[in-house]
């Protein structure tokens, strides 16, 4: 049975992972907000002439375009908007891919939490959850330990709940003065809003699956982060296990192969990234439990990491990226003989 008391012995080690992810295709990350853009209608009237992106809602004869995810920061006496990839998108993509490939097929659909107001479906979900934890090779134990789990078991005399050992942080795009948007050939001026990443505007005409006619609403315009842009992802895994390191290797491989994508519209080729840079550092107490495969780590290597908050407190080790694949066998106990692939 799954033991959700994953910090019973305290925190004895931390794995710090840094990825630089390069967009191999445009990346669409909608934020639910629509911006407006205008087009010069003065003679000579030419399609795509005088395009201008407005950092506001539609007004008058403006057109609408779905915006991109952004945040705010204070610079001096100003509040400045900037684009970034939300950590929740990265974490969600990693979790979804892991469930699809690690969890036994009989539980993949059954373990989607139902609405709380449907008690029958809630009971079915709890029963499936309990069964999925009966055998380690069903794979869900690793998901719950790494990503966390919270369930409402109502009248049951047990409860599975833990915060998980994985945390994700994503740094903002660091490009500056990108004041234009590629509109499929024409260039759109964008004199307001974030300017820290190159963007493009895509036009899509969704079709009905049955009639193959255009869906209601016609053309959809939306912004994307452009191909070639780079964003940085930092992962932290507390009390890392050998299987966690194996998962890191699988995630990197699948991102580079285009099978693990981010954002919306991945089904039509969006959201592919490659890992252009990567580093893996382990900080551990002197009396931390032994980690199998530890011979692949380099002790006290990488002085660039010595400014970490744990420097001088815990021992530091690094793992060469090429050695990640050496840990893949440690996933066997979670996937069984068939690998669940």
C-alpha atoms as a PDB file:
ATOM      1  CA  UNK A   1       0.000   0.000   0.000  1.00  0.00           C
ATOM      2  CA  UNK A   2       1.215   3.512  -0.829  1.00  0.00           C
ATOM      3  CA  UNK A   3       2.820   5.381   2.066  1.00  0.00           C
ATOM      4  CA  UNK A   4       2.049   9.067   1.637  1.00  0.00           C
ATOM      5  CA  UNK A   5       4.289  10.101   4.529  1.00  0.00           C
ATOM      6  CA  UNK A   6       7.110  10.805   2.090  1.00  0.00           C
ATOM      7  CA  UNK A   7       9.036  13.106   4.449  1.00  0.00           C
ATOM      8  CA  UNK A   8       9.021  10.773   7.461  1.00  0.00           C
ATOM      9  CA  UNK A   9      12.821  11.032   7.685  1.00  0.00           C
ATOM     10  CA  UNK A  10      12.924  14.741   6.898  1.00  0.00           C
ATOM     11  CA  UNK A  11      14.523  16.319   3.849  1.00  0.00           C
ATOM     12  CA  UNK A  12      18.002  14.908   3.348  1.00  0.00           C
ATOM     13  CA  UNK A  13      18.816  15.822  -0.273  1.00  0.00           C
ATOM     14  CA  UNK A  14      17.731  18.012  -3.173  1.00  0.00           C
ATOM     15  CA  UNK A  15      18.233  17.602  -6.916  1.00  0.00           C
ATOM     16  CA  UNK A  16      18.512  20.860  -8.839  1.00  0.00           C
ATOM     17  CA  UNK A  17      17.877  20.668 -12.598  1.00  0.00           C
ATOM     18  CA  UNK A  18      18.351  23.460 -15.126  1.00  0.00           C
ATOM     19  CA  UNK A  19      17.075  23.228 -18.694  1.00  0.00           C
ATOM     20  CA  UNK A  20      17.340  25.759 -21.503  1.00  0.00           C
ATOM     21  CA  UNK A  21      14.453  24.903 -23.843  1.00  0.00           C
ATOM     22  CA  UNK A  22      14.509  26.151 -27.413  1.00  0.00           C
ATOM     23  CA  UNK A  23      11.239  26.462 -29.330  1.00  0.00           C
ATOM     24  CA  UNK A  24      11.537  24.282 -32.437  1.00  0.00           C
ATOM     25  CA  UNK A  25       8.007  25.277 -33.474  1.00  0.00           C
ATOM     26  CA  UNK A  26       5.867  28.244 -32.428  1.00  0.00           C
ATOM     27  CA  UNK A  27       4.542  27.928 -28.881  1.00  0.00           C
ATOM     28  CA  UNK A  28       0.933  28.888 -28.114  1.00  0.00           C
ATOM     29  CA  UNK A  29       0.171  29.663 -24.470  1.00  0.00           C
ATOM     30  CA  UNK A  30      -3.178  31.370 -24.204  1.00  0.00           C
ATOM     31  CA  UNK A  31      -4.130  33.379 -21.138  1.00  0.00           C
ATOM     32  CA  UNK A  32      -7.837  33.779 -21.820  1.00  0.00           C
ATOM     33  CA  UNK A  33      -7.455  37.451 -22.751  1.00  0.00           C
ATOM     34  CA  UNK A  34      -8.069  38.913 -26.189  1.00  0.00           C
ATOM     35  CA  UNK A  35      -6.146  41.914 -27.455  1.00  0.00           C
ATOM     36  CA  UNK A  36      -7.019  44.121 -30.385  1.00  0.00           C
ATOM     37  CA  UNK A  37      -5.152  45.033 -33.522  1.00  0.00           C
ATOM     38  CA  UNK A  38      -5.911  47.535 -36.230  1.00  0.00           C
ATOM     39  CA  UNK A  39      -5.246  47.715 -39.965  1.00  0.00           C
ATOM     40  CA  UNK A  40      -4.669  50.788 -42.075  1.00  0.00           C
ATOM     41  CA  UNK A  41      -7.730  51.222 -44.299  1.00  0.00           C
ATOM     42  CA  UNK A  42      -6.568  54.367 -46.055  1.00  0.00           C
ATOM     43  CA  UNK A  43      -5.911  54.142 -49.841  1.00  0.00           C
ATOM     44  CA  UNK A  44      -4.204  52.285 -51.326  1.00  0.00           C
ATOM     45  CA  UNK A  45      -6.053  49.560 -49.416  1.00  0.00           C
ATOM     46  CA  UNK A  46      -3.837  46.466 -49.192  1.00  0.00           C
ATOM     47  CA  UNK A  47      -4.348  43.470 -46.930  1.00  0.00           C
ATOM     48  CA  UNK A  48      -1.807  43.375 -44.090  1.00  0.00           C
ATOM     49  CA  UNK A  49      -0.830  47.026 -44.484  1.00  0.00           C
ATOM     50  CA  UNK A  50      -0.306  49.214 -41.405  1.00  0.00           C
ATOM     51  CA  UNK A  51      -0.974  46.500 -38.826  1.00  0.00           C
ATOM     52  CA  UNK A  52      -0.722  47.618 -35.223  1.00  0.00           C
ATOM     53  CA  UNK A  53      -1.159  45.550 -32.063  1.00  0.00           C
ATOM     54  CA  UNK A  54      -2.981  47.332 -29.236  1.00  0.00           C
ATOM     55  CA  UNK A  55      -2.418  46.486 -25.560  1.00  0.00           C
ATOM     56  CA  UNK A  56      -6.158  46.774 -24.866  1.00  0.00           C
ATOM     57  CA  UNK A  57      -9.534  45.213 -25.537  1.00  0.00           C
ATOM     58  CA  UNK A  58     -11.319  45.630 -28.855  1.00  0.00           C
ATOM     59  CA  UNK A  59     -12.634  49.093 -29.587  1.00  0.00           C
ATOM     60  CA  UNK A  60     -14.599  50.300 -32.572  1.00  0.00           C
ATOM     61  CA  UNK A  61     -13.398  48.708 -35.812  1.00  0.00           C
ATOM     62  CA  UNK A  62     -10.482  46.869 -34.189  1.00  0.00           C
ATOM     63  CA  UNK A  63      -9.918  43.169 -34.760  1.00  0.00           C
ATOM     64  CA  UNK A  64      -9.347  40.624 -31.972  1.00  0.00           C
ATOM     65  CA  UNK A  65      -6.408  38.288 -31.392  1.00  0.00           C
ATOM     66  CA  UNK A  66      -5.919  35.815 -28.512  1.00  0.00           C
ATOM     67  CA  UNK A  67      -3.137  37.030 -26.222  1.00  0.00           C
ATOM     68  CA  UNK A  68      -0.110  35.264 -24.769  1.00  0.00           C
ATOM     69  CA  UNK A  69       0.640  34.493 -21.150  1.00  0.00           C
ATOM     70  CA  UNK A  70       2.326  37.348 -19.296  1.00  0.00           C
ATOM     71  CA  UNK A  71       3.185  38.606 -15.837  1.00  0.00           C
ATOM     72  CA  UNK A  72       4.211  41.862 -14.173  1.00  0.00           C
ATOM     73  CA  UNK A  73       7.255  43.153 -12.347  1.00  0.00           C
ATOM     74  CA  UNK A  74       8.250  46.509 -10.869  1.00  0.00           C
ATOM     75  CA  UNK A  75      11.138  48.354 -12.511  1.00  0.00           C
ATOM     76  CA  UNK A  76      11.925  51.586 -10.733  1.00  0.00           C
ATOM     77  CA  UNK A  77       8.605  53.390 -10.382  1.00  0.00           C
ATOM     78  CA  UNK A  78       6.857  51.487 -13.179  1.00  0.00           C
ATOM     79  CA  UNK A  79       4.887  48.277 -13.434  1.00  0.00           C
ATOM     80  CA  UNK A  80       6.189  46.436 -16.503  1.00  0.00           C
ATOM     81  CA  UNK A  81       4.522  43.503 -18.283  1.00  0.00           C
ATOM     82  CA  UNK A  82       6.648  40.616 -19.558  1.00  0.00           C
ATOM     83  CA  UNK A  83       6.015  37.323 -21.330  1.00  0.00           C
ATOM     84  CA  UNK A  84       6.875  33.982 -19.777  1.00  0.00           C
ATOM     85  CA  UNK A  85       5.931  30.322 -19.882  1.00  0.00           C
ATOM     86  CA  UNK A  86       3.900  29.541 -16.725  1.00  0.00           C
ATOM     87  CA  UNK A  87       5.402  26.895 -14.460  1.00  0.00           C
ATOM     88  CA  UNK A  88       1.986  25.219 -14.288  1.00  0.00           C
ATOM     89  CA  UNK A  89       2.114  24.544 -18.054  1.00  0.00           C
ATOM     90  CA  UNK A  90       5.505  22.854 -17.787  1.00  0.00           C
ATOM     91  CA  UNK A  91       4.543  20.865 -14.709  1.00  0.00           C
ATOM     92  CA  UNK A  92       1.216  19.852 -16.240  1.00  0.00           C
ATOM     93  CA  UNK A  93       2.844  18.694 -19.481  1.00  0.00           C
ATOM     94  CA  UNK A  94       5.400  16.603 -17.592  1.00  0.00           C
ATOM     95  CA  UNK A  95       2.697  15.062 -15.410  1.00  0.00           C
ATOM     96  CA  UNK A  96       0.363  14.300 -18.320  1.00  0.00           C
ATOM     97  CA  UNK A  97       3.124  12.653 -20.346  1.00  0.00           C
ATOM     98  CA  UNK A  98       4.218  10.595 -17.320  1.00  0.00           C
ATOM     99  CA  UNK A  99       0.682   9.371 -16.635  1.00  0.00           C
ATOM    100  CA  UNK A 100       0.146   8.394 -20.281  1.00  0.00           C
ATOM    101  CA  UNK A 101       3.382   6.396 -20.409  1.00  0.00           C
ATOM    102  CA  UNK A 102       3.949   5.166 -16.863  1.00  0.00           C
ATOM    103  CA  UNK A 103       0.530   4.373 -15.405  1.00  0.00           C
ATOM    104  CA  UNK A 104      -1.024   1.029 -16.343  1.00  0.00           C
ATOM    105  CA  UNK A 105      -3.588   1.474 -19.180  1.00  0.00           C
ATOM    106  CA  UNK A 106      -6.509   0.246 -17.061  1.00  0.00           C
ATOM    107  CA  UNK A 107      -6.153   3.249 -14.717  1.00  0.00           C
ATOM    108  CA  UNK A 108      -5.293   6.131 -17.067  1.00  0.00           C
ATOM    109  CA  UNK A 109      -8.880   7.283 -17.576  1.00  0.00           C
ATOM    110  CA  UNK A 110     -10.231   6.101 -14.233  1.00  0.00           C
ATOM    111  CA  UNK A 111      -7.805   8.291 -12.283  1.00  0.00           C
ATOM    112  CA  UNK A 112      -9.109  11.595 -13.647  1.00  0.00           C
ATOM    113  CA  UNK A 113     -10.820  13.335 -10.673  1.00  0.00           C
ATOM    114  CA  UNK A 114     -14.588  13.698 -11.302  1.00  0.00           C
ATOM    115  CA  UNK A 115     -16.838  16.610 -10.235  1.00  0.00           C
ATOM    116  CA  UNK A 116     -17.415  16.580  -6.473  1.00  0.00           C
ATOM    117  CA  UNK A 117     -21.175  16.830  -6.929  1.00  0.00           C
ATOM    118  CA  UNK A 118     -21.370  13.394  -8.603  1.00  0.00           C
ATOM    119  CA  UNK A 119     -21.017  11.018  -5.651  1.00  0.00           C
ATOM    120  CA  UNK A 120     -21.209   7.842  -7.757  1.00  0.00           C
ATOM    121  CA  UNK A 121     -18.292   8.941  -9.928  1.00  0.00           C
ATOM    122  CA  UNK A 122     -16.381  10.086  -6.847  1.00  0.00           C
ATOM    123  CA  UNK A 123     -16.771   6.619  -5.318  1.00  0.00           C
ATOM    124  CA  UNK A 124     -15.655   4.971  -8.569  1.00  0.00           C
ATOM    125  CA  UNK A 125     -12.612   7.252  -8.676  1.00  0.00           C
ATOM    126  CA  UNK A 126     -11.653   6.477  -5.064  1.00  0.00           C
ATOM    127  CA  UNK A 127     -12.006   2.741  -5.687  1.00  0.00           C
ATOM    128  CA  UNK A 128      -9.778   2.988  -8.774  1.00  0.00           C
ATOM    129  CA  UNK A 129      -7.255   5.031  -6.815  1.00  0.00           C
ATOM    130  CA  UNK A 130      -7.142   2.471  -4.036  1.00  0.00           C
ATOM    131  CA  UNK A 131      -6.644  -0.333  -6.534  1.00  0.00           C
ATOM    132  CA  UNK A 132      -3.932   1.560  -8.423  1.00  0.00           C
ATOM    133  CA  UNK A 133      -1.903   1.798  -5.223  1.00  0.00           C
ATOM    134  CA  UNK A 134      -2.141  -1.933  -4.499  1.00  0.00           C
ATOM    135  CA  UNK A 135       0.695  -2.834  -6.859  1.00  0.00           C
ATOM    136  CA  UNK A 136       3.814  -0.754  -7.423  1.00  0.00           C
ATOM    137  CA  UNK A 137       4.093  -1.826 -11.066  1.00  0.00           C
ATOM    138  CA  UNK A 138       0.804  -0.022 -11.820  1.00  0.00           C
ATOM    139  CA  UNK A 139       2.943   3.121 -11.847  1.00  0.00           C
ATOM    140  CA  UNK A 140       0.702   5.544  -9.957  1.00  0.00           C
ATOM    141  CA  UNK A 141       2.757   5.400  -6.775  1.00  0.00           C
ATOM    142  CA  UNK A 142       5.600   7.274  -8.486  1.00  0.00           C
ATOM    143  CA  UNK A 143       3.187   9.884  -9.891  1.00  0.00           C
ATOM    144  CA  UNK A 144       1.744  10.580  -6.434  1.00  0.00           C
ATOM    145  CA  UNK A 145       5.149  10.749  -4.776  1.00  0.00           C
ATOM    146  CA  UNK A 146       6.722  13.016  -7.388  1.00  0.00           C
ATOM    147  CA  UNK A 147       3.842  15.319  -8.372  1.00  0.00           C
ATOM    148  CA  UNK A 148       1.716  15.141  -5.243  1.00  0.00           C
ATOM    149  CA  UNK A 149      -1.786  13.933  -4.522  1.00  0.00           C
ATOM    150  CA  UNK A 150      -4.842  15.204  -2.677  1.00  0.00           C
ATOM    151  CA  UNK A 151      -8.039  13.197  -2.372  1.00  0.00           C
ATOM    152  CA  UNK A 152     -11.282  13.609  -0.495  1.00  0.00           C
ATOM    153  CA  UNK A 153     -12.217  10.106   0.640  1.00  0.00           C
ATOM    154  CA  UNK A 154     -15.343  11.264   2.444  1.00  0.00           C
ATOM    155  CA  UNK A 155     -16.470   8.392   4.662  1.00  0.00           C
ATOM    156  CA  UNK A 156     -13.434   6.195   3.981  1.00  0.00           C
ATOM    157  CA  UNK A 157     -11.087   5.427   6.871  1.00  0.00           C
ATOM    158  CA  UNK A 158      -7.978   6.253   4.831  1.00  0.00           C
ATOM    159  CA  UNK A 159      -6.733   9.240   2.886  1.00  0.00           C
ATOM    160  CA  UNK A 160      -3.990   9.699   0.318  1.00  0.00           C
ATOM    161  CA  UNK A 161      -2.532  13.168   0.451  1.00  0.00           C
ATOM    162  CA  UNK A 162       0.952  14.614   0.019  1.00  0.00           C
ATOM    163  CA  UNK A 163       2.443  17.712  -1.536  1.00  0.00           C
ATOM    164  CA  UNK A 164       4.834  15.904  -3.869  1.00  0.00           C
ATOM    165  CA  UNK A 165       8.591  16.243  -4.179  1.00  0.00           C
ATOM    166  CA  UNK A 166       8.823  18.102  -7.513  1.00  0.00           C
ATOM    167  CA  UNK A 167       8.655  21.878  -7.869  1.00  0.00           C
ATOM    168  CA  UNK A 168       8.978  23.822 -11.132  1.00  0.00           C
ATOM    169  CA  UNK A 169      10.169  27.365 -11.751  1.00  0.00           C
ATOM    170  CA  UNK A 170      10.325  29.053 -15.165  1.00  0.00           C
ATOM    171  CA  UNK A 171      12.347  32.175 -15.892  1.00  0.00           C
ATOM    172  CA  UNK A 172      10.988  34.937 -18.101  1.00  0.00           C
ATOM    173  CA  UNK A 173      12.106  35.234 -21.711  1.00  0.00           C
ATOM    174  CA  UNK A 174      15.186  37.454 -21.721  1.00  0.00           C
ATOM    175  CA  UNK A 175      15.018  38.927 -25.225  1.00  0.00           C
ATOM    176  CA  UNK A 176      14.569  42.731 -25.245  1.00  0.00           C
ATOM    177  CA  UNK A 177      13.035  45.312 -27.596  1.00  0.00           C
ATOM    178  CA  UNK A 178      10.939  42.879 -29.659  1.00  0.00           C
ATOM    179  CA  UNK A 179       8.440  45.532 -30.725  1.00  0.00           C
ATOM    180  CA  UNK A 180       7.069  43.771 -33.796  1.00  0.00           C
ATOM    181  CA  UNK A 181       4.929  40.698 -34.476  1.00  0.00           C
ATOM    182  CA  UNK A 182       5.306  38.508 -37.567  1.00  0.00           C
ATOM    183  CA  UNK A 183       1.796  38.328 -39.058  1.00  0.00           C
ATOM    184  CA  UNK A 184       2.556  35.665 -41.658  1.00  0.00           C
ATOM    185  CA  UNK A 185       4.603  37.911 -43.904  1.00  0.00           C
ATOM    186  CA  UNK A 186       3.423  41.417 -42.977  1.00  0.00           C
ATOM    187  CA  UNK A 187       4.973  42.919 -39.861  1.00  0.00           C
ATOM    188  CA  UNK A 188       2.701  44.176 -37.099  1.00  0.00           C
ATOM    189  CA  UNK A 189       3.922  47.019 -34.918  1.00  0.00           C
ATOM    190  CA  UNK A 190       3.487  46.512 -31.173  1.00  0.00           C
ATOM    191  CA  UNK A 191       4.385  49.670 -29.313  1.00  0.00           C
ATOM    192  CA  UNK A 192       2.851  48.681 -25.984  1.00  0.00           C
ATOM    193  CA  UNK A 193       2.866  45.645 -23.734  1.00  0.00           C
ATOM    194  CA  UNK A 194       5.662  43.068 -23.270  1.00  0.00           C
ATOM    195  CA  UNK A 195       8.648  43.230 -25.592  1.00  0.00           C
ATOM    196  CA  UNK A 196      10.952  40.557 -24.161  1.00  0.00           C
ATOM    197  CA  UNK A 197      10.313  37.831 -26.760  1.00  0.00           C
ATOM    198  CA  UNK A 198       9.677  37.501 -30.500  1.00  0.00           C
ATOM    199  CA  UNK A 199       6.074  36.673 -31.394  1.00  0.00           C
ATOM    200  CA  UNK A 200       4.030  35.747 -34.440  1.00  0.00           C
ATOM    201  CA  UNK A 201       0.313  35.878 -35.216  1.00  0.00           C
ATOM    202  CA  UNK A 202      -1.326  32.723 -36.551  1.00  0.00           C
ATOM    203  CA  UNK A 203      -4.712  32.459 -38.228  1.00  0.00           C
ATOM    204  CA  UNK A 204      -6.662  29.215 -37.892  1.00  0.00           C
ATOM    205  CA  UNK A 205      -9.994  28.155 -39.323  1.00  0.00           C
ATOM    206  CA  UNK A 206     -11.315  25.286 -37.145  1.00  0.00           C
ATOM    207  CA  UNK A 207     -13.393  22.713 -39.028  1.00  0.00           C
ATOM    208  CA  UNK A 208     -16.269  20.589 -37.814  1.00  0.00           C
ATOM    209  CA  UNK A 209     -15.217  16.929 -37.574  1.00  0.00           C
ATOM    210  CA  UNK A 210     -18.458  15.658 -39.162  1.00  0.00           C
ATOM    211  CA  UNK A 211     -19.325  18.238 -41.810  1.00  0.00           C
ATOM    212  CA  UNK A 212     -15.785  19.523 -42.465  1.00  0.00           C
ATOM    213  CA  UNK A 213     -17.326  22.988 -42.648  1.00  0.00           C
ATOM    214  CA  UNK A 214     -16.020  25.970 -40.696  1.00  0.00           C
ATOM    215  CA  UNK A 215     -17.076  26.052 -37.072  1.00  0.00           C
ATOM    216  CA  UNK A 216     -19.129  28.940 -35.779  1.00  0.00           C
ATOM    217  CA  UNK A 217     -16.932  31.985 -35.275  1.00  0.00           C
ATOM    218  CA  UNK A 218     -14.870  31.668 -38.437  1.00  0.00           C
ATOM    219  CA  UNK A 219     -11.204  32.543 -38.382  1.00  0.00           C
ATOM    220  CA  UNK A 220      -9.346  32.524 -35.072  1.00  0.00           C
ATOM    221  CA  UNK A 221      -6.350  34.834 -34.675  1.00  0.00           C
ATOM    222  CA  UNK A 222      -3.863  34.135 -31.893  1.00  0.00           C
ATOM    223  CA  UNK A 223      -0.340  35.073 -30.870  1.00  0.00           C
ATOM    224  CA  UNK A 224       2.482  32.577 -30.379  1.00  0.00           C
ATOM    225  CA  UNK A 225       6.051  32.668 -29.150  1.00  0.00           C
ATOM    226  CA  UNK A 226       8.196  32.380 -32.270  1.00  0.00           C
ATOM    227  CA  UNK A 227      10.382  29.490 -33.321  1.00  0.00           C
ATOM    228  CA  UNK A 228      13.938  29.816 -31.998  1.00  0.00           C
ATOM    229  CA  UNK A 229      13.075  31.546 -28.721  1.00  0.00           C
ATOM    230  CA  UNK A 230      14.608  30.081 -25.545  1.00  0.00           C
ATOM    231  CA  UNK A 231      13.187  29.856 -22.026  1.00  0.00           C
ATOM    232  CA  UNK A 232      14.788  28.427 -18.886  1.00  0.00           C
ATOM    233  CA  UNK A 233      13.180  25.840 -16.624  1.00  0.00           C
ATOM    234  CA  UNK A 234      14.439  25.014 -13.125  1.00  0.00           C
ATOM    235  CA  UNK A 235      13.260  21.836 -11.404  1.00  0.00           C
ATOM    236  CA  UNK A 236      13.828  20.801  -7.814  1.00  0.00           C
ATOM    237  CA  UNK A 237      13.238  17.269  -6.551  1.00  0.00           C
ATOM    238  CA  UNK A 238      13.446  16.725  -2.804  1.00  0.00           C
ATOM    239  CA  UNK A 239      14.782  13.395  -1.545  1.00  0.00           C
ATOM    240  CA  UNK A 240      15.393  12.246  -5.144  1.00  0.00           C
ATOM    241  CA  UNK A 241      15.104   8.568  -5.968  1.00  0.00           C
ATOM    242  CA  UNK A 242      16.802   6.629  -8.732  1.00  0.00           C
ATOM    243  CA  UNK A 243      13.471   6.449 -10.591  1.00  0.00           C
ATOM    244  CA  UNK A 244      13.204  10.259 -10.515  1.00  0.00           C
ATOM    245  CA  UNK A 245      16.550  10.574 -12.273  1.00  0.00           C
ATOM    246  CA  UNK A 246      15.352   8.021 -14.835  1.00  0.00           C
ATOM    247  CA  UNK A 247      12.256  10.175 -15.441  1.00  0.00           C
ATOM    248  CA  UNK A 248      14.464  13.213 -16.087  1.00  0.00           C
ATOM    249  CA  UNK A 249      16.257  11.271 -18.793  1.00  0.00           C
ATOM    250  CA  UNK A 250      12.977  10.170 -20.387  1.00  0.00           C
ATOM    251  CA  UNK A 251      11.589  13.709 -20.357  1.00  0.00           C
ATOM    252  CA  UNK A 252      14.705  15.089 -22.060  1.00  0.00           C
ATOM    253  CA  UNK A 253      14.634  12.347 -24.689  1.00  0.00           C
ATOM    254  CA  UNK A 254      10.938  12.837 -25.416  1.00  0.00           C
ATOM    255  CA  UNK A 255      11.261  16.626 -25.652  1.00  0.00           C
ATOM    256  CA  UNK A 256      14.123  16.297 -28.129  1.00  0.00           C
ATOM    257  CA  UNK A 257      12.126  13.739 -30.135  1.00  0.00           C
ATOM    258  CA  UNK A 258       9.087  16.040 -30.267  1.00  0.00           C
ATOM    259  CA  UNK A 259       6.830  13.688 -28.315  1.00  0.00           C
ATOM    260  CA  UNK A 260       6.597  15.823 -25.160  1.00  0.00           C
ATOM    261  CA  UNK A 261       5.262  19.251 -26.099  1.00  0.00           C
ATOM    262  CA  UNK A 262       3.994  22.318 -24.294  1.00  0.00           C
ATOM    263  CA  UNK A 263       1.088  24.705 -24.643  1.00  0.00           C
ATOM    264  CA  UNK A 264      -1.961  24.528 -26.890  1.00  0.00           C
ATOM    265  CA  UNK A 265      -2.360  23.062 -30.383  1.00  0.00           C
ATOM    266  CA  UNK A 266       0.311  20.395 -29.942  1.00  0.00           C
ATOM    267  CA  UNK A 267      -1.903  18.127 -32.077  1.00  0.00           C
ATOM    268  CA  UNK A 268      -1.239  20.343 -35.110  1.00  0.00           C
ATOM    269  CA  UNK A 269       2.495  20.622 -34.553  1.00  0.00           C
ATOM    270  CA  UNK A 270       2.828  23.441 -32.028  1.00  0.00           C
ATOM    271  CA  UNK A 271       4.814  23.436 -28.787  1.00  0.00           C
ATOM    272  CA  UNK A 272       7.850  21.340 -29.749  1.00  0.00           C
ATOM    273  CA  UNK A 273      11.062  22.186 -27.869  1.00  0.00           C
ATOM    274  CA  UNK A 274      14.606  20.876 -27.665  1.00  0.00           C
ATOM    275  CA  UNK A 275      16.935  20.905 -24.672  1.00  0.00           C
ATOM    276  CA  UNK A 276      19.800  23.169 -25.715  1.00  0.00           C
ATOM    277  CA  UNK A 277      21.492  23.209 -22.288  1.00  0.00           C
ATOM    278  CA  UNK A 278      21.071  21.072 -19.180  1.00  0.00           C
ATOM    279  CA  UNK A 279      22.697  20.587 -15.785  1.00  0.00           C
ATOM    280  CA  UNK A 280      21.981  18.278 -12.850  1.00  0.00           C
ATOM    281  CA  UNK A 281      23.241  19.030  -9.348  1.00  0.00           C
ATOM    282  CA  UNK A 282      22.652  17.090  -6.162  1.00  0.00           C
ATOM    283  CA  UNK A 283      22.915  18.517  -2.654  1.00  0.00           C
ATOM    284  CA  UNK A 284      22.797  16.024   0.215  1.00  0.00           C
ATOM    285  CA  UNK A 285      23.407  15.719   3.916  1.00  0.00           C
ATOM    286  CA  UNK A 286      26.429  13.752   5.070  1.00  0.00           C
ATOM    287  CA  UNK A 287      24.136  11.027   6.465  1.00  0.00           C
ATOM    288  CA  UNK A 288      21.690  10.970   3.541  1.00  0.00           C
ATOM    289  CA  UNK A 289      20.558   7.476   2.457  1.00  0.00           C
ATOM    290  CA  UNK A 290      22.761   5.903  -0.190  1.00  0.00           C
ATOM    291  CA  UNK A 291      21.591   6.446  -3.763  1.00  0.00           C
ATOM    292  CA  UNK A 292      22.047   3.507  -6.126  1.00  0.00           C
ATOM    293  CA  UNK A 293      24.029   4.484  -9.206  1.00  0.00           C
ATOM    294  CA  UNK A 294      25.856   7.134  -7.206  1.00  0.00           C
ATOM    295  CA  UNK A 295      29.094   6.254  -9.026  1.00  0.00           C
ATOM    296  CA  UNK A 296      27.797   8.318 -11.968  1.00  0.00           C
ATOM    297  CA  UNK A 297      27.868  11.521  -9.899  1.00  0.00           C
ATOM    298  CA  UNK A 298      30.918  13.757  -9.745  1.00  0.00           C
ATOM    299  CA  UNK A 299      31.767  14.907  -6.239  1.00  0.00           C
ATOM    300  CA  UNK A 300      32.242  18.650  -5.628  1.00  0.00           C
ATOM    301  CA  UNK A 301      32.284  19.337  -9.365  1.00  0.00           C
ATOM    302  CA  UNK A 302      31.045  22.501 -11.031  1.00  0.00           C
ATOM    303  CA  UNK A 303      32.231  25.499  -9.041  1.00  0.00           C
ATOM    304  CA  UNK A 304      29.636  27.642 -10.834  1.00  0.00           C
ATOM    305  CA  UNK A 305      27.018  26.068  -8.588  1.00  0.00           C
ATOM    306  CA  UNK A 306      28.808  26.916  -5.351  1.00  0.00           C
ATOM    307  CA  UNK A 307      26.768  30.103  -4.908  1.00  0.00           C
ATOM    308  CA  UNK A 308      23.734  27.925  -4.202  1.00  0.00           C
ATOM    309  CA  UNK A 309      22.039  28.526  -0.846  1.00  0.00           C
ATOM    310  CA  UNK A 310      23.044  25.005   0.211  1.00  0.00           C
ATOM    311  CA  UNK A 311      26.745  25.547  -0.500  1.00  0.00           C
ATOM    312  CA  UNK A 312      28.840  24.926   2.584  1.00  0.00           C
ATOM    313  CA  UNK A 313      25.909  23.238   4.342  1.00  0.00           C
ATOM    314  CA  UNK A 314      25.318  20.084   2.286  1.00  0.00           C
ATOM    315  CA  UNK A 315      27.664  18.108   0.067  1.00  0.00           C
ATOM    316  CA  UNK A 316      27.538  18.960  -3.635  1.00  0.00           C
ATOM    317  CA  UNK A 317      27.654  16.524  -6.557  1.00  0.00           C
ATOM    318  CA  UNK A 318      26.857  16.831 -10.258  1.00  0.00           C
ATOM    319  CA  UNK A 319      25.589  14.312 -12.789  1.00  0.00           C
ATOM    320  CA  UNK A 320      26.784  14.448 -16.436  1.00  0.00           C
ATOM    321  CA  UNK A 321      23.701  14.658 -18.732  1.00  0.00           C
ATOM    322  CA  UNK A 322      24.957  11.697 -20.732  1.00  0.00           C
ATOM    323  CA  UNK A 323      24.656   9.456 -17.674  1.00  0.00           C
ATOM    324  CA  UNK A 324      20.907   9.971 -17.189  1.00  0.00           C
ATOM    325  CA  UNK A 325      20.131   6.920 -19.305  1.00  0.00           C
ATOM    326  CA  UNK A 326      22.058   4.726 -16.864  1.00  0.00           C
ATOM    327  CA  UNK A 327      19.161   5.094 -14.402  1.00  0.00           C
ATOM    328  CA  UNK A 328      16.364   3.966 -16.743  1.00  0.00           C
ATOM    329  CA  UNK A 329      16.351   0.417 -15.340  1.00  0.00           C
ATOM    330  CA  UNK A 330      15.174   1.787 -11.977  1.00  0.00           C
ATOM    331  CA  UNK A 331      11.734   2.417 -13.526  1.00  0.00           C
ATOM    332  CA  UNK A 332      11.152  -1.292 -14.130  1.00  0.00           C
ATOM    333  CA  UNK A 333       9.497  -1.835 -10.752  1.00  0.00           C
ATOM    334  CA  UNK A 334       6.931   0.859 -11.585  1.00  0.00           C
ATOM    335  CA  UNK A 335       6.098  -0.311 -15.095  1.00  0.00           C
ATOM    336  CA  UNK A 336       6.358  -4.110 -14.926  1.00  0.00           C
ATOM    337  CA  UNK A 337       7.399  -6.223 -17.865  1.00  0.00           C
ATOM    338  CA  UNK A 338       5.231  -4.448 -20.463  1.00  0.00           C
ATOM    339  CA  UNK A 339       6.593  -0.956 -19.728  1.00  0.00           C
ATOM    340  CA  UNK A 340       3.014   0.437 -20.104  1.00  0.00           C
ATOM    341  CA  UNK A 341       4.167   2.239 -23.270  1.00  0.00           C
END
